[in-house]
Amino acid sequence: MLQSRHQSALNCYNYWDAIAYYTGNMNHTTHNTIVNFIWNIADDVLRDVYVRGKYRDVILPMTVLRRLDCLLEPTKEKVLERYKLLEKDNFGQNAVAQQLPRASGYVFL
């Protein structure tokens, strides 16, 4: 039995994987749904904290940070263990800067 697109998206690892799934199949309706979802969150969370015209100054950085968080989540424990080991043995910031990207499997420039 074939699953619908929406059911497949719901089986994704998290919300950002669902967005990645939909962007591969992006159409105008899907794009508007995602945009409206994000702006509704902004209205609920940011109201009275930021002027409505400044939401975009908050949403884009938070979206990028959340995406990075999702990408790094599978290796978070490994990275934290490596960090604690390096800090405990007092290796310094250069060693930390070299070792943590290796532990995460990502290159940071």
Protein backbone atom coordinates (compact mmCIF):
# COMPACT_ATOMS: atom_id res chain seq x y z
CA MET A 1 0.00 0.00 0.00
CA LEU A 2 1.45 3.36 -0.99
CA GLN A 3 1.59 6.18 1.50
CA SER A 4 0.47 9.66 0.59
CA ARG A 5 3.04 12.48 0.44
CA HIS A 6 1.77 13.89 3.72
CA GLN A 7 2.02 10.57 5.54
CA SER A 8 5.57 10.14 4.28
CA ALA A 9 6.45 13.62 5.48
CA LEU A 10 4.98 12.88 8.91
CA ASN A 11 7.29 9.87 9.17
CA CYS A 12 10.31 12.13 8.69
CA TYR A 13 12.78 12.53 11.56
CA ASN A 14 11.56 16.02 12.48
CA TYR A 15 9.94 19.16 11.16
CA TRP A 16 13.05 20.25 9.23
CA ASP A 17 13.28 16.91 7.48
CA ALA A 18 9.64 17.34 6.51
CA ILE A 19 10.45 20.75 5.05
CA ALA A 20 13.39 19.25 3.16
CA TYR A 21 11.05 16.55 1.87
CA TYR A 22 8.51 19.11 0.70
CA THR A 23 11.09 21.43 -0.86
CA GLY A 24 12.07 18.56 -3.14
CA ASN A 25 8.43 18.58 -4.24
CA MET A 26 7.91 22.31 -3.77
CA ASN A 27 4.96 23.96 -5.39
CA HIS A 28 3.25 27.27 -4.70
CA THR A 29 0.74 25.80 -2.24
CA THR A 30 3.39 23.97 -0.22
CA HIS A 31 5.58 27.07 -0.14
CA ASN A 32 2.68 29.21 1.13
CA THR A 33 1.81 26.61 3.78
CA ILE A 34 5.35 26.64 5.15
CA VAL A 35 5.58 30.44 5.03
CA ASN A 36 2.23 30.85 6.81
CA PHE A 37 3.22 28.31 9.44
CA ILE A 38 6.44 30.20 10.22
CA TRP A 39 4.72 33.61 10.31
CA ASN A 40 1.96 32.26 12.59
CA ILE A 41 4.63 31.08 15.01
CA ALA A 42 6.22 34.52 14.79
CA ASP A 43 2.91 36.20 15.61
CA ASP A 44 2.37 33.90 18.60
CA VAL A 45 5.90 34.01 20.00
CA LEU A 46 7.28 37.38 19.00
CA ARG A 47 4.21 39.56 19.46
CA ASP A 48 4.92 42.41 21.89
CA VAL A 49 8.63 41.44 21.94
CA TYR A 50 9.53 42.74 18.47
CA VAL A 51 7.84 45.15 16.10
CA ARG A 52 6.13 43.14 13.34
CA GLY A 53 8.42 44.63 10.68
CA LYS A 54 11.46 43.30 12.57
CA TYR A 55 10.29 39.65 12.69
CA ARG A 56 12.47 38.78 9.70
CA ASP A 57 15.52 39.98 11.63
CA VAL A 58 14.76 37.26 14.18
CA ILE A 59 13.20 34.48 12.12
CA LEU A 60 16.01 33.89 9.63
CA PRO A 61 18.79 33.59 12.23
CA MET A 62 16.63 31.36 14.43
CA THR A 63 15.70 29.19 11.45
CA VAL A 64 19.37 28.77 10.54
CA LEU A 65 20.31 27.99 14.15
CA ARG A 66 17.52 25.42 14.45
CA ARG A 67 18.57 23.78 11.19
CA LEU A 68 22.16 23.54 12.43
CA ASP A 69 20.88 22.07 15.69
CA CYS A 70 18.95 19.39 13.77
CA LEU A 71 21.94 18.56 11.58
CA LEU A 72 24.30 18.23 14.54
CA GLU A 73 21.89 16.37 16.84
CA PRO A 74 23.02 12.83 15.90
CA THR A 75 26.62 13.59 16.93
CA LYS A 76 25.88 15.89 19.86
CA GLU A 77 26.81 13.39 22.60
CA LYS A 78 30.04 12.44 20.85
CA VAL A 79 31.02 16.11 20.43
CA LEU A 80 30.20 16.92 24.06
CA GLU A 81 32.27 13.97 25.28
CA ARG A 82 35.20 15.08 23.12
CA TYR A 83 34.86 18.65 24.40
CA LYS A 84 34.86 17.53 28.03
CA LEU A 85 37.94 15.39 27.43
CA LEU A 86 39.80 18.26 25.73
CA GLU A 87 38.83 20.72 28.44
CA LYS A 88 39.74 18.31 31.23
CA ASP A 89 43.19 17.69 29.75
CA ASN A 90 43.59 21.42 29.07
CA PHE A 91 44.42 21.09 25.37
CA GLY A 92 43.49 24.69 24.50
CA GLN A 93 41.20 26.31 21.98
CA ASN A 94 43.20 25.28 18.88
CA ALA A 95 42.81 21.60 19.73
CA VAL A 96 39.13 22.13 20.45
CA ALA A 97 38.66 23.94 17.13
CA GLN A 98 40.30 21.04 15.28
CA GLN A 99 38.75 18.12 17.14
CA LEU A 100 35.10 19.09 17.45
CA PRO A 101 34.43 19.33 13.71
CA ARG A 102 36.03 15.90 13.31
CA ALA A 103 33.77 14.51 16.02
CA SER A 104 30.69 16.01 14.37
CA GLY A 105 31.64 14.94 10.86
CA TYR A 106 31.05 18.47 9.53
CA VAL A 107 33.52 21.12 8.41
CA PHE A 108 32.97 24.60 9.80
CA LEU A 109 34.60 27.52 8.01
